[in-house]
Amino acid sequence: MPSEPTQPSDVDRAIAFVKRSRSRYVIQNEILDMIIVNVTLRQDNATASTRTTARLLRRKPQLVQQVWKEFVEKGSTTTKPQAPRDMSLRTRLPVTSDLAKIIQDFVRQRRQGRYRTVAKDVAHFLRSQNLLEFDTESQSSKQAAYRSTQRVLAKLGYKRGKKKRGLGLRMCEANIQHRDMY
């Protein structure tokens, strides 16, 4: 006789919903919740307050213990900055409309002269304009500046690689169409 599949209870559905909806990163409000629950349990003289807090908040005991230890030692807590949705890294350059215009003018000038333009060229141009600081003698500093410039160019809509008949950096098709509408 086949058994009927059991329906998940409201509790199971609620726990699954929280696990799906909650961010992987611990935000400041969750840290404050860990501290206040831990304090409340300690005031009530509960045994194993850290483990109980972890169980109630569905967090790892090591995390709750680390938060409590940091609070006791420093009197405050710290959180890591949350990554944006596209998981892009911060850049050395603030992505502003002025920067976009400067880069666009530079790329256009290079394109008119039929020069290939890569992130390295843009980085050195920005350095000459005192917008990007890096040590030209240090290989690691140069590489970091090039990576940062590549991130900025990607955020501004420039694509790497060749167009069918052009070279170097170019705007993506959506940005070209958006620009042409004006």
Protein backbone atom coordinates (compact mmCIF):
# COMPACT_ATOMS: atom_id res chain seq x y z
CA MET A 1 0.00 0.00 0.00
CA PRO A 2 1.70 3.22 -1.14
CA SER A 3 1.98 5.91 1.47
CA GLU A 4 0.67 9.36 0.80
CA PRO A 5 3.28 12.12 0.59
CA THR A 6 3.10 14.30 3.64
CA GLN A 7 2.27 17.94 3.18
CA PRO A 8 4.80 20.36 4.64
CA SER A 9 3.52 22.04 7.73
CA ASP A 10 3.27 25.79 8.15
CA VAL A 11 6.41 25.69 10.26
CA ASP A 12 8.39 23.90 7.55
CA ARG A 13 7.15 26.32 4.90
CA ALA A 14 8.02 29.31 7.09
CA ILE A 15 11.54 28.03 7.75
CA ALA A 16 12.08 27.35 4.05
CA PHE A 17 10.78 30.83 3.18
CA VAL A 18 13.17 32.50 5.63
CA LYS A 19 16.13 30.49 4.33
CA ARG A 20 15.30 31.44 0.73
CA SER A 21 14.66 35.10 1.46
CA ARG A 22 17.47 35.89 3.87
CA SER A 23 20.68 37.39 2.52
CA ARG A 24 23.91 35.43 2.76
CA TYR A 25 25.49 38.45 4.39
CA VAL A 26 24.79 39.29 8.01
CA ILE A 27 23.47 42.83 8.14
CA GLN A 28 23.61 45.24 11.07
CA ASN A 29 20.02 44.54 12.18
CA GLU A 30 20.69 40.81 12.41
CA ILE A 31 23.81 41.47 14.47
CA LEU A 32 21.77 43.64 16.83
CA ASP A 33 19.18 40.84 17.09
CA MET A 34 21.95 38.37 18.00
CA ILE A 35 23.20 40.69 20.72
CA ILE A 36 19.77 41.45 22.23
CA VAL A 37 18.68 37.79 22.25
CA ASN A 38 22.01 36.79 23.79
CA VAL A 39 21.67 39.50 26.47
CA THR A 40 18.07 38.53 27.24
CA LEU A 41 19.03 34.88 27.68
CA ARG A 42 21.98 35.83 29.89
CA GLN A 43 19.71 38.03 32.05
CA ASP A 44 17.39 35.04 32.50
CA ASN A 45 20.43 32.95 33.53
CA ALA A 46 19.85 30.51 30.69
CA THR A 47 22.55 27.93 30.13
CA ALA A 48 24.29 27.88 26.74
CA SER A 49 22.86 31.24 25.72
CA THR A 50 25.02 31.45 22.60
CA ARG A 51 23.85 28.08 21.28
CA THR A 52 20.25 28.92 22.13
CA THR A 53 20.56 32.25 20.32
CA ALA A 54 22.02 30.50 17.29
CA ARG A 55 19.20 27.96 17.31
CA LEU A 56 16.49 30.62 17.67
CA LEU A 57 17.89 32.85 14.94
CA ARG A 58 18.91 29.94 12.68
CA ARG A 59 22.52 31.05 12.50
CA LYS A 60 25.74 29.16 13.14
CA PRO A 61 26.85 29.10 16.78
CA GLN A 62 30.34 30.21 15.73
CA LEU A 63 28.89 33.34 14.14
CA VAL A 64 26.83 34.23 17.20
CA GLN A 65 29.83 33.58 19.43
CA GLN A 66 32.05 35.75 17.23
CA VAL A 67 29.52 38.63 17.29
CA TRP A 68 29.16 38.39 21.07
CA LYS A 69 32.93 38.24 21.59
CA GLU A 70 33.46 41.31 19.39
CA PHE A 71 30.73 43.19 21.25
CA VAL A 72 32.20 42.34 24.66
CA GLU A 73 35.74 43.30 23.60
CA LYS A 74 35.00 46.47 21.63
CA GLY A 75 31.58 47.58 22.83
CA SER A 76 30.40 47.67 19.21
CA THR A 77 30.32 45.49 16.12
CA THR A 78 31.40 45.78 12.52
CA THR A 79 29.80 44.55 9.33
CA LYS A 80 31.30 43.93 5.94
CA PRO A 81 30.05 46.20 3.17
CA GLN A 82 27.37 44.44 1.20
CA ALA A 83 28.18 43.55 -2.37
CA PRO A 84 25.94 45.04 -5.01
CA ARG A 85 23.56 42.85 -6.97
CA ASP A 86 25.83 42.61 -9.99
CA MET A 87 28.73 41.62 -7.70
CA SER A 88 30.94 44.25 -9.26
CA LEU A 89 33.94 45.47 -7.34
CA ARG A 90 34.50 49.02 -6.24
CA THR A 91 36.85 50.97 -8.43
CA ARG A 92 39.48 53.57 -7.70
CA LEU A 93 37.62 55.92 -9.99
CA PRO A 94 34.21 57.33 -9.16
CA VAL A 95 31.95 56.60 -12.11
CA THR A 96 30.53 60.05 -12.84
CA SER A 97 29.14 61.73 -15.93
CA ASP A 98 32.26 63.93 -16.12
CA LEU A 99 34.52 60.88 -16.14
CA ALA A 100 32.34 59.23 -18.78
CA LYS A 101 32.59 62.32 -20.99
CA ILE A 102 36.37 62.54 -20.57
CA ILE A 103 36.81 58.87 -21.47
CA GLN A 104 34.39 59.12 -24.39
CA ASP A 105 36.26 62.12 -25.82
CA PHE A 106 39.59 60.32 -25.44
CA VAL A 107 38.32 57.16 -27.14
CA ARG A 108 36.79 59.22 -29.97
CA GLN A 109 40.08 61.08 -30.56
CA ARG A 110 41.96 57.81 -30.69
CA ARG A 111 39.39 56.30 -33.01
CA GLN A 112 39.61 59.26 -35.40
CA GLY A 113 43.34 58.68 -35.64
CA ARG A 114 42.60 54.98 -36.20
CA TYR A 115 44.51 53.99 -33.09
CA ARG A 116 43.59 50.92 -31.14
CA THR A 117 42.49 51.86 -27.61
CA VAL A 118 42.73 49.48 -24.68
CA ALA A 119 42.26 49.89 -20.93
CA LYS A 120 46.00 50.45 -20.53
CA ASP A 121 45.81 53.51 -22.79
CA VAL A 122 42.82 54.87 -20.90
CA ALA A 123 44.58 54.30 -17.55
CA HIS A 124 47.65 56.25 -18.67
CA PHE A 125 45.43 59.02 -20.06
CA LEU A 126 43.56 59.26 -16.74
CA ARG A 127 46.90 59.36 -14.93
CA SER A 128 48.02 62.26 -17.13
CA GLN A 129 44.76 64.04 -16.23
CA ASN A 130 45.44 63.40 -12.49
CA LEU A 131 42.27 61.34 -12.18
CA LEU A 132 43.97 58.02 -11.44
CA GLU A 133 47.04 57.56 -9.26
CA PHE A 134 49.39 54.62 -9.68
CA ASP A 135 53.12 54.00 -9.61
CA THR A 136 54.45 53.32 -13.09
CA GLU A 137 57.53 51.61 -11.62
CA SER A 138 55.51 49.11 -9.59
CA GLN A 139 54.13 46.22 -11.61
CA SER A 140 51.44 45.40 -9.04
CA SER A 141 50.28 49.02 -8.87
CA LYS A 142 50.04 49.21 -12.66
CA GLN A 143 48.11 45.96 -12.89
CA ALA A 144 45.67 47.07 -10.19
CA ALA A 145 45.12 50.36 -12.02
CA TYR A 146 44.51 48.51 -15.30
CA ARG A 147 41.96 46.19 -13.65
CA SER A 148 40.24 49.17 -12.07
CA THR A 149 40.10 50.93 -15.42
CA GLN A 150 38.66 47.81 -17.04
CA ARG A 151 35.89 47.73 -14.40
CA VAL A 152 35.09 51.41 -15.00
CA LEU A 153 34.99 50.90 -18.76
CA ALA A 154 32.67 47.93 -18.33
CA LYS A 155 30.36 49.99 -16.09
CA LEU A 156 30.31 52.76 -18.68
CA GLY A 157 29.18 50.30 -21.36
CA TYR A 158 32.40 49.81 -23.29
CA LYS A 159 33.03 46.33 -24.57
CA ARG A 160 36.33 44.60 -25.10
CA GLY A 161 37.36 43.29 -28.44
CA LYS A 162 36.92 44.12 -32.07
CA LYS A 163 33.94 45.43 -33.90
CA LYS A 164 33.55 43.88 -37.33
CA ARG A 165 35.59 46.66 -38.92
CA GLY A 166 36.89 48.61 -35.93
CA LEU A 167 39.45 48.13 -33.21
CA GLY A 168 39.67 48.45 -29.46
CA LEU A 169 37.11 49.80 -27.07
CA ARG A 170 33.62 50.43 -28.30
CA MET A 171 30.27 51.14 -26.75
CA CYS A 172 27.81 48.27 -26.47
CA GLU A 173 24.91 48.24 -28.93
CA ALA A 174 22.31 49.33 -26.35
CA ASN A 175 24.32 52.44 -25.48
CA ILE A 176 24.89 53.26 -29.15
CA GLN A 177 21.16 53.04 -29.86
CA HIS A 178 20.36 55.10 -26.77
CA ARG A 179 22.88 57.75 -27.85
CA ASP A 180 21.53 57.82 -31.42
CA MET A 181 17.98 58.52 -30.22
CA TYR A 182 19.06 62.06 -29.26
